C-alpha atoms as a PDB file:
ATOM      1  CA  MET A   1      48.302 106.910  65.897  1.00  0.00           C
ATOM      2  CA  LEU A   2      50.693 106.223  63.298  1.00  0.00           C
ATOM      3  CA  ASN A   3      53.861 103.600  63.333  1.00  0.00           C
ATOM      4  CA  VAL A   4      57.275 103.588  60.707  1.00  0.00           C
ATOM      5  CA  ILE A   5      59.195 100.139  61.342  1.00  0.00           C
ATOM      6  CA  SER A   6      63.039 101.679  61.547  1.00  0.00           C
ATOM      7  CA  LYS A   7      65.702 100.038  60.220  1.00  0.00           C
ATOM      8  CA  ASP A   8      66.679  97.409  63.068  1.00  0.00           C
ATOM      9  CA  SER A   9      62.953  96.320  62.823  1.00  0.00           C
ATOM     10  CA  THR A  10      61.973  98.838  65.820  1.00  0.00           C
ATOM     11  CA  LYS A  11      58.441 100.374  65.541  1.00  0.00           C
ATOM     12  CA  ILE A  12      58.006 103.972  66.836  1.00  0.00           C
ATOM     13  CA  ASP A  13      54.837 105.887  67.517  1.00  0.00           C
ATOM     14  CA  TYR A  14      53.807 108.668  67.052  1.00  0.00           C
ATOM     15  CA  ASP A  15      51.187 111.619  65.969  1.00  0.00           C
ATOM     16  CA  LYS A  16      51.036 113.732  62.857  1.00  0.00           C
ATOM     17  CA  TYR A  17      49.126 117.205  63.173  1.00  0.00           C
ATOM     18  CA  GLY A  18      48.029 119.563  60.227  1.00  0.00           C
ATOM     19  CA  GLU A  19      50.725 120.084  56.705  1.00  0.00           C
ATOM     20  CA  GLY A  20      52.795 122.264  55.730  1.00  0.00           C
ATOM     21  CA  PRO A  21      56.879 123.312  56.661  1.00  0.00           C
ATOM     22  CA  VAL A  22      57.865 119.702  58.802  1.00  0.00           C
ATOM     23  CA  ILE A  23      58.642 119.999  62.095  1.00  0.00           C
ATOM     24  CA  ILE A  24      59.399 117.307  64.531  1.00  0.00           C
ATOM     25  CA  MET A  25      58.791 117.256  68.403  1.00  0.00           C
ATOM     26  CA  VAL A  26      61.465 115.271  70.493  1.00  0.00           C
ATOM     27  CA  GLY A  27      59.989 114.292  74.130  1.00  0.00           C
ATOM     28  CA  GLY A  28      61.956 114.316  77.293  1.00  0.00           C
ATOM     29  CA  ALA A  29      64.208 111.284  78.444  1.00  0.00           C
ATOM     30  CA  PHE A  30      61.424 109.770  80.047  1.00  0.00           C
ATOM     31  CA  GLN A  31      58.889 110.945  78.774  1.00  0.00           C
ATOM     32  CA  HIS A  32      56.277 109.139  76.186  1.00  0.00           C
ATOM     33  CA  ARG A  33      53.013 111.336  74.793  1.00  0.00           C
ATOM     34  CA  ALA A  34      50.143 109.856  76.369  1.00  0.00           C
ATOM     35  CA  ILE A  35      52.155 111.704  79.635  1.00  0.00           C
ATOM     36  CA  ASP A  36      53.264 115.123  77.415  1.00  0.00           C
ATOM     37  CA  GLU A  37      50.667 116.628  77.053  1.00  0.00           C
ATOM     38  CA  ASN A  38      51.413 120.110  77.157  1.00  0.00           C
ATOM     39  CA  MET A  39      53.885 118.508  74.144  1.00  0.00           C
ATOM     40  CA  SER A  40      50.599 117.464  72.494  1.00  0.00           C
ATOM     41  CA  HIS A  41      49.005 120.905  72.979  1.00  0.00           C
ATOM     42  CA  LEU A  42      51.365 122.603  71.105  1.00  0.00           C
ATOM     43  CA  ALA A  43      51.826 120.721  68.381  1.00  0.00           C
ATOM     44  CA  GLU A  44      47.754 120.902  68.204  1.00  0.00           C
ATOM     45  CA  LEU A  45      48.070 124.695  68.265  1.00  0.00           C
ATOM     46  CA  LEU A  46      51.516 124.680  65.741  1.00  0.00           C
ATOM     47  CA  ALA A  47      49.171 122.659  62.981  1.00  0.00           C
ATOM     48  CA  PRO A  48      47.781 125.014  61.331  1.00  0.00           C
ATOM     49  CA  TYR A  49      51.054 125.985  60.188  1.00  0.00           C
ATOM     50  CA  PHE A  50      52.865 123.219  60.209  1.00  0.00           C
ATOM     51  CA  TYR A  51      52.477 119.740  59.813  1.00  0.00           C
ATOM     52  CA  VAL A  52      53.704 118.196  63.294  1.00  0.00           C
ATOM     53  CA  ILE A  53      55.417 114.645  63.675  1.00  0.00           C
ATOM     54  CA  HIS A  54      55.500 114.071  67.843  1.00  0.00           C
ATOM     55  CA  TYR A  55      56.813 110.165  68.438  1.00  0.00           C
ATOM     56  CA  ASP A  56      57.917 108.556  71.546  1.00  0.00           C
ATOM     57  CA  ARG A  57      61.079 107.752  72.061  1.00  0.00           C
ATOM     58  CA  ARG A  58      61.959 103.959  71.172  1.00  0.00           C
ATOM     59  CA  GLY A  59      61.539 101.946  75.172  1.00  0.00           C
ATOM     60  CA  ARG A  60      59.390 104.932  75.959  1.00  0.00           C
ATOM     61  CA  GLY A  61      55.228 104.660  75.827  1.00  0.00           C
ATOM     62  CA  ASP A  62      53.491 102.904  72.525  1.00  0.00           C
ATOM     63  CA  SER A  63      57.689 102.619  70.587  1.00  0.00           C
ATOM     64  CA  GLY A  64      58.976  98.893  70.801  1.00  0.00           C
END
């Protein structure tokens, strides 16, 4: 798990997969990486072709 700090000092956690053109995966309103197995699986399938970022939205999962 990686993280960045936003301009307003909120920590945003994410996972990254693969290399290439960037795809940012945004989960649903109440989902986060730990419970969203389908999105994680999709990220793994896309990884051979893309640089995939799968993140937790603010206030969800590991993000602040």
